[in-house]
N, C-alpha and C. Protein backbone atom coordinates (compact mmCIF):
# COMPACT_ATOMS: atom_id res chain seq x y z
N MET A 1 50.51 252.87 -86.08
CA MET A 1 49.51 252.70 -85.06
C MET A 1 48.25 252.06 -85.66
N LEU A 2 47.82 252.56 -86.84
CA LEU A 2 46.62 251.99 -87.45
C LEU A 2 46.84 250.53 -87.86
N ARG A 3 48.05 250.21 -88.26
CA ARG A 3 48.34 248.82 -88.62
C ARG A 3 48.21 247.92 -87.38
N TRP A 4 48.70 248.39 -86.26
CA TRP A 4 48.60 247.63 -85.00
C TRP A 4 47.12 247.48 -84.62
N ILE A 5 46.35 248.54 -84.76
CA ILE A 5 44.92 248.49 -84.44
C ILE A 5 44.21 247.50 -85.36
N GLY A 6 44.59 247.49 -86.64
CA GLY A 6 44.00 246.54 -87.58
C GLY A 6 44.27 245.11 -87.18
N LYS A 7 45.50 244.80 -86.81
CA LYS A 7 45.83 243.44 -86.37
C LYS A 7 45.07 243.06 -85.11
N ALA A 8 45.04 243.97 -84.14
CA ALA A 8 44.34 243.69 -82.88
C ALA A 8 42.85 243.52 -83.12
N SER A 9 42.27 244.34 -83.99
CA SER A 9 40.85 244.25 -84.30
C SER A 9 40.52 242.92 -84.96
N PHE A 10 41.36 242.49 -85.90
CA PHE A 10 41.12 241.22 -86.57
C PHE A 10 41.21 240.06 -85.59
N GLN A 11 42.24 240.06 -84.75
CA GLN A 11 42.39 238.99 -83.77
C GLN A 11 41.20 238.95 -82.82
N TRP A 12 40.72 240.12 -82.38
CA TRP A 12 39.56 240.18 -81.50
C TRP A 12 38.34 239.62 -82.22
N ALA A 13 38.14 240.01 -83.49
CA ALA A 13 36.97 239.56 -84.24
C ALA A 13 36.96 238.05 -84.39
N VAL A 14 38.09 237.48 -84.71
CA VAL A 14 38.15 236.03 -84.88
C VAL A 14 37.93 235.32 -83.55
N ARG A 15 38.51 235.86 -82.48
CA ARG A 15 38.40 235.23 -81.18
C ARG A 15 37.02 235.44 -80.56
N GLU A 16 36.51 236.65 -80.57
CA GLU A 16 35.29 236.99 -79.84
C GLU A 16 34.02 237.01 -80.69
N GLN A 17 34.16 237.23 -81.97
CA GLN A 17 32.98 237.39 -82.83
C GLN A 17 32.92 236.34 -83.93
N ALA A 18 33.43 235.17 -83.67
CA ALA A 18 33.48 234.13 -84.70
C ALA A 18 32.09 233.80 -85.24
N ALA A 19 31.08 233.78 -84.38
CA ALA A 19 29.72 233.47 -84.84
C ALA A 19 29.21 234.58 -85.76
N LEU A 20 29.49 235.82 -85.43
CA LEU A 20 29.06 236.95 -86.25
C LEU A 20 29.71 236.89 -87.63
N LEU A 21 30.95 236.52 -87.68
CA LEU A 21 31.67 236.45 -88.94
C LEU A 21 31.39 235.16 -89.71
N GLY A 22 30.72 234.20 -89.09
CA GLY A 22 30.44 232.94 -89.74
C GLY A 22 31.66 232.07 -89.89
N ILE A 23 32.58 232.20 -88.97
CA ILE A 23 33.84 231.47 -89.06
C ILE A 23 33.82 230.28 -88.10
N ALA A 24 34.07 229.13 -88.63
CA ALA A 24 34.24 227.94 -87.82
C ALA A 24 35.73 227.62 -87.81
N CYS A 25 36.36 227.78 -86.67
CA CYS A 25 37.81 227.63 -86.58
C CYS A 25 38.29 226.27 -87.06
N VAL A 26 37.54 225.22 -86.78
CA VAL A 26 37.95 223.89 -87.21
C VAL A 26 37.93 223.80 -88.74
N ALA A 27 36.90 224.37 -89.35
CA ALA A 27 36.80 224.34 -90.81
C ALA A 27 37.93 225.14 -91.45
N LEU A 28 38.31 226.24 -90.83
CA LEU A 28 39.37 227.07 -91.38
C LEU A 28 40.70 226.33 -91.43
N LYS A 29 40.94 225.50 -90.47
CA LYS A 29 42.23 224.80 -90.40
C LYS A 29 42.42 223.82 -91.54
N VAL A 30 41.34 223.28 -92.09
CA VAL A 30 41.47 222.29 -93.15
C VAL A 30 41.37 222.90 -94.55
N MET A 31 41.03 224.17 -94.64
CA MET A 31 40.92 224.83 -95.95
C MET A 31 42.31 225.16 -96.49
N PRO A 32 42.45 225.13 -97.82
CA PRO A 32 43.70 225.63 -98.41
C PRO A 32 43.85 227.11 -98.08
N ARG A 33 45.08 227.59 -98.08
CA ARG A 33 45.37 228.96 -97.63
C ARG A 33 44.61 230.03 -98.44
N LYS A 34 44.59 229.90 -99.75
CA LYS A 34 43.92 230.89 -100.58
C LYS A 34 42.41 230.87 -100.34
N THR A 35 41.83 229.71 -100.22
CA THR A 35 40.40 229.58 -99.94
C THR A 35 40.08 230.16 -98.58
N ARG A 36 40.93 229.90 -97.61
CA ARG A 36 40.74 230.43 -96.25
C ARG A 36 40.81 231.95 -96.24
N ALA A 37 41.77 232.52 -96.96
CA ALA A 37 41.90 233.99 -97.01
C ALA A 37 40.66 234.62 -97.63
N LYS A 38 40.19 234.06 -98.75
CA LYS A 38 38.99 234.62 -99.40
C LYS A 38 37.77 234.47 -98.51
N PHE A 39 37.64 233.35 -97.85
CA PHE A 39 36.52 233.10 -96.94
C PHE A 39 36.50 234.13 -95.81
N ILE A 40 37.65 234.37 -95.21
CA ILE A 40 37.73 235.32 -94.10
C ILE A 40 37.44 236.74 -94.58
N LEU A 41 38.06 237.17 -95.67
CA LEU A 41 37.82 238.52 -96.19
C LEU A 41 36.36 238.74 -96.57
N THR A 42 35.76 237.75 -97.23
CA THR A 42 34.37 237.87 -97.64
C THR A 42 33.45 237.97 -96.43
N ASN A 43 33.71 237.15 -95.41
CA ASN A 43 32.85 237.16 -94.23
C ASN A 43 33.06 238.41 -93.37
N ILE A 44 34.25 238.93 -93.34
CA ILE A 44 34.48 240.19 -92.62
C ILE A 44 33.71 241.32 -93.31
N GLY A 45 33.78 241.35 -94.63
CA GLY A 45 33.03 242.35 -95.38
C GLY A 45 31.53 242.21 -95.18
N LYS A 46 31.04 240.98 -95.21
CA LYS A 46 29.61 240.73 -95.00
C LYS A 46 29.18 241.17 -93.60
N ALA A 47 29.98 240.85 -92.59
CA ALA A 47 29.64 241.24 -91.22
C ALA A 47 29.62 242.76 -91.08
N LEU A 48 30.56 243.42 -91.74
CA LEU A 48 30.59 244.89 -91.68
C LEU A 48 29.35 245.48 -92.34
N MET A 49 28.95 244.93 -93.48
CA MET A 49 27.77 245.43 -94.16
C MET A 49 26.49 245.10 -93.39
N ASP A 50 26.47 243.97 -92.68
CA ASP A 50 25.29 243.61 -91.88
C ASP A 50 25.13 244.52 -90.67
N THR A 51 26.22 245.02 -90.13
CA THR A 51 26.15 245.84 -88.92
C THR A 51 26.19 247.33 -89.20
N ASN A 52 26.56 247.73 -90.42
CA ASN A 52 26.65 249.14 -90.77
C ASN A 52 25.93 249.38 -92.09
N PRO A 53 24.79 250.07 -92.06
CA PRO A 53 24.02 250.26 -93.29
C PRO A 53 24.73 251.11 -94.35
N ASP A 54 25.74 251.88 -93.96
CA ASP A 54 26.48 252.72 -94.91
C ASP A 54 27.66 252.01 -95.55
N ALA A 55 27.95 250.80 -95.13
CA ALA A 55 29.12 250.07 -95.63
C ALA A 55 28.83 249.40 -96.96
N LEU A 56 29.80 249.42 -97.83
CA LEU A 56 29.77 248.67 -99.08
C LEU A 56 31.16 248.09 -99.27
N VAL A 57 31.28 246.79 -99.09
CA VAL A 57 32.57 246.11 -99.18
C VAL A 57 32.53 245.12 -100.33
N VAL A 58 33.58 245.13 -101.14
CA VAL A 58 33.70 244.21 -102.27
C VAL A 58 35.04 243.50 -102.16
N VAL A 59 35.03 242.18 -102.26
CA VAL A 59 36.26 241.38 -102.26
C VAL A 59 36.40 240.77 -103.65
N GLU A 60 37.53 241.05 -104.29
CA GLU A 60 37.78 240.55 -105.64
C GLU A 60 39.07 239.75 -105.67
N ASP A 61 39.05 238.71 -106.48
CA ASP A 61 40.24 237.88 -106.69
C ASP A 61 40.73 238.15 -108.11
N ALA A 62 41.86 238.84 -108.20
CA ALA A 62 42.41 239.18 -109.52
C ALA A 62 43.90 238.89 -109.56
N ASN A 63 44.30 238.12 -110.52
CA ASN A 63 45.72 237.80 -110.73
C ASN A 63 46.37 237.17 -109.51
N GLY A 64 45.65 236.33 -108.80
CA GLY A 64 46.21 235.61 -107.67
C GLY A 64 46.30 236.38 -106.37
N SER A 65 45.75 237.59 -106.33
CA SER A 65 45.73 238.35 -105.07
C SER A 65 44.34 238.92 -104.86
N PHE A 66 44.03 239.20 -103.61
CA PHE A 66 42.70 239.69 -103.27
C PHE A 66 42.71 241.20 -103.09
N THR A 67 41.65 241.81 -103.52
CA THR A 67 41.43 243.23 -103.29
C THR A 67 40.21 243.36 -102.40
N TYR A 68 40.40 243.96 -101.23
CA TYR A 68 39.32 244.21 -100.27
C TYR A 68 39.05 245.70 -100.32
N THR A 69 37.90 246.09 -100.87
CA THR A 69 37.58 247.50 -101.04
C THR A 69 36.37 247.86 -100.20
N ASP A 70 36.56 248.82 -99.32
CA ASP A 70 35.46 249.35 -98.49
C ASP A 70 35.12 250.72 -99.06
N TYR A 71 34.04 250.77 -99.82
CA TYR A 71 33.65 252.03 -100.47
C TYR A 71 33.09 253.05 -99.49
N GLY A 72 32.84 252.65 -98.26
CA GLY A 72 32.33 253.57 -97.26
C GLY A 72 33.40 254.13 -96.34
N CYS A 73 34.68 253.81 -96.60
CA CYS A 73 35.76 254.27 -95.73
C CYS A 73 36.00 255.77 -95.95
N ALA A 74 35.89 256.54 -94.90
CA ALA A 74 36.05 257.99 -95.00
C ALA A 74 37.51 258.39 -95.24
N ILE A 75 38.44 257.52 -94.91
CA ILE A 75 39.86 257.85 -95.04
C ILE A 75 40.37 257.63 -96.46
N CYS A 76 40.02 256.53 -97.07
CA CYS A 76 40.63 256.20 -98.35
C CYS A 76 39.64 256.06 -99.50
N HIS A 77 38.41 256.50 -99.32
CA HIS A 77 37.41 256.42 -100.39
C HIS A 77 37.88 257.21 -101.61
N THR A 78 37.78 256.62 -102.76
CA THR A 78 38.15 257.14 -104.09
C THR A 78 39.65 257.20 -104.35
N ARG A 79 40.49 256.87 -103.39
CA ARG A 79 41.94 256.84 -103.62
C ARG A 79 42.31 255.47 -104.20
N THR A 80 43.28 255.43 -105.08
CA THR A 80 43.75 254.16 -105.63
C THR A 80 45.26 254.08 -105.53
N SER A 81 45.75 252.85 -105.38
CA SER A 81 47.18 252.62 -105.25
C SER A 81 47.46 251.14 -105.37
N ASP A 82 48.65 250.77 -105.83
CA ASP A 82 49.02 249.36 -105.88
C ASP A 82 49.24 248.79 -104.48
N PRO A 83 50.05 249.45 -103.64
CA PRO A 83 50.18 248.94 -102.26
C PRO A 83 48.96 249.36 -101.45
N PRO A 84 48.68 248.68 -100.32
CA PRO A 84 47.54 249.05 -99.48
C PRO A 84 47.61 250.50 -99.04
N ILE A 85 46.45 251.14 -98.98
CA ILE A 85 46.37 252.54 -98.59
C ILE A 85 45.93 252.66 -97.12
N CYS A 86 44.87 251.96 -96.77
CA CYS A 86 44.28 252.10 -95.45
C CYS A 86 44.96 251.12 -94.48
N TYR A 87 45.73 251.64 -93.58
CA TYR A 87 46.51 250.77 -92.70
C TYR A 87 45.66 250.05 -91.68
N LEU A 88 44.45 250.52 -91.44
CA LEU A 88 43.55 249.79 -90.55
C LEU A 88 43.23 248.43 -91.16
N TYR A 89 42.87 248.42 -92.45
CA TYR A 89 42.59 247.15 -93.13
C TYR A 89 43.87 246.40 -93.47
N HIS A 90 44.93 247.11 -93.75
CA HIS A 90 46.20 246.47 -94.05
C HIS A 90 46.68 245.63 -92.86
N GLY A 91 46.46 246.13 -91.66
CA GLY A 91 46.84 245.39 -90.45
C GLY A 91 46.09 244.11 -90.32
């Protein structure tokens, strides 16, 4: 269920909140896939931190994959794992 909510939330954000996220759909289409993924993750984190004073989001690029860490998440804060833990963000 949380994975479905995560997908729906992301689709809504891109469709309805593109200005808030700083996403220009035309620019995204011409970016390489890895650059586009980092751009989207970074801007989602920035938008979350801009709208929530308790949020702390860090996006890291390590070994060819991205790590999106929300240090303010009440569900998975301080937990670590190789596969995604928080299915809201995983979605």
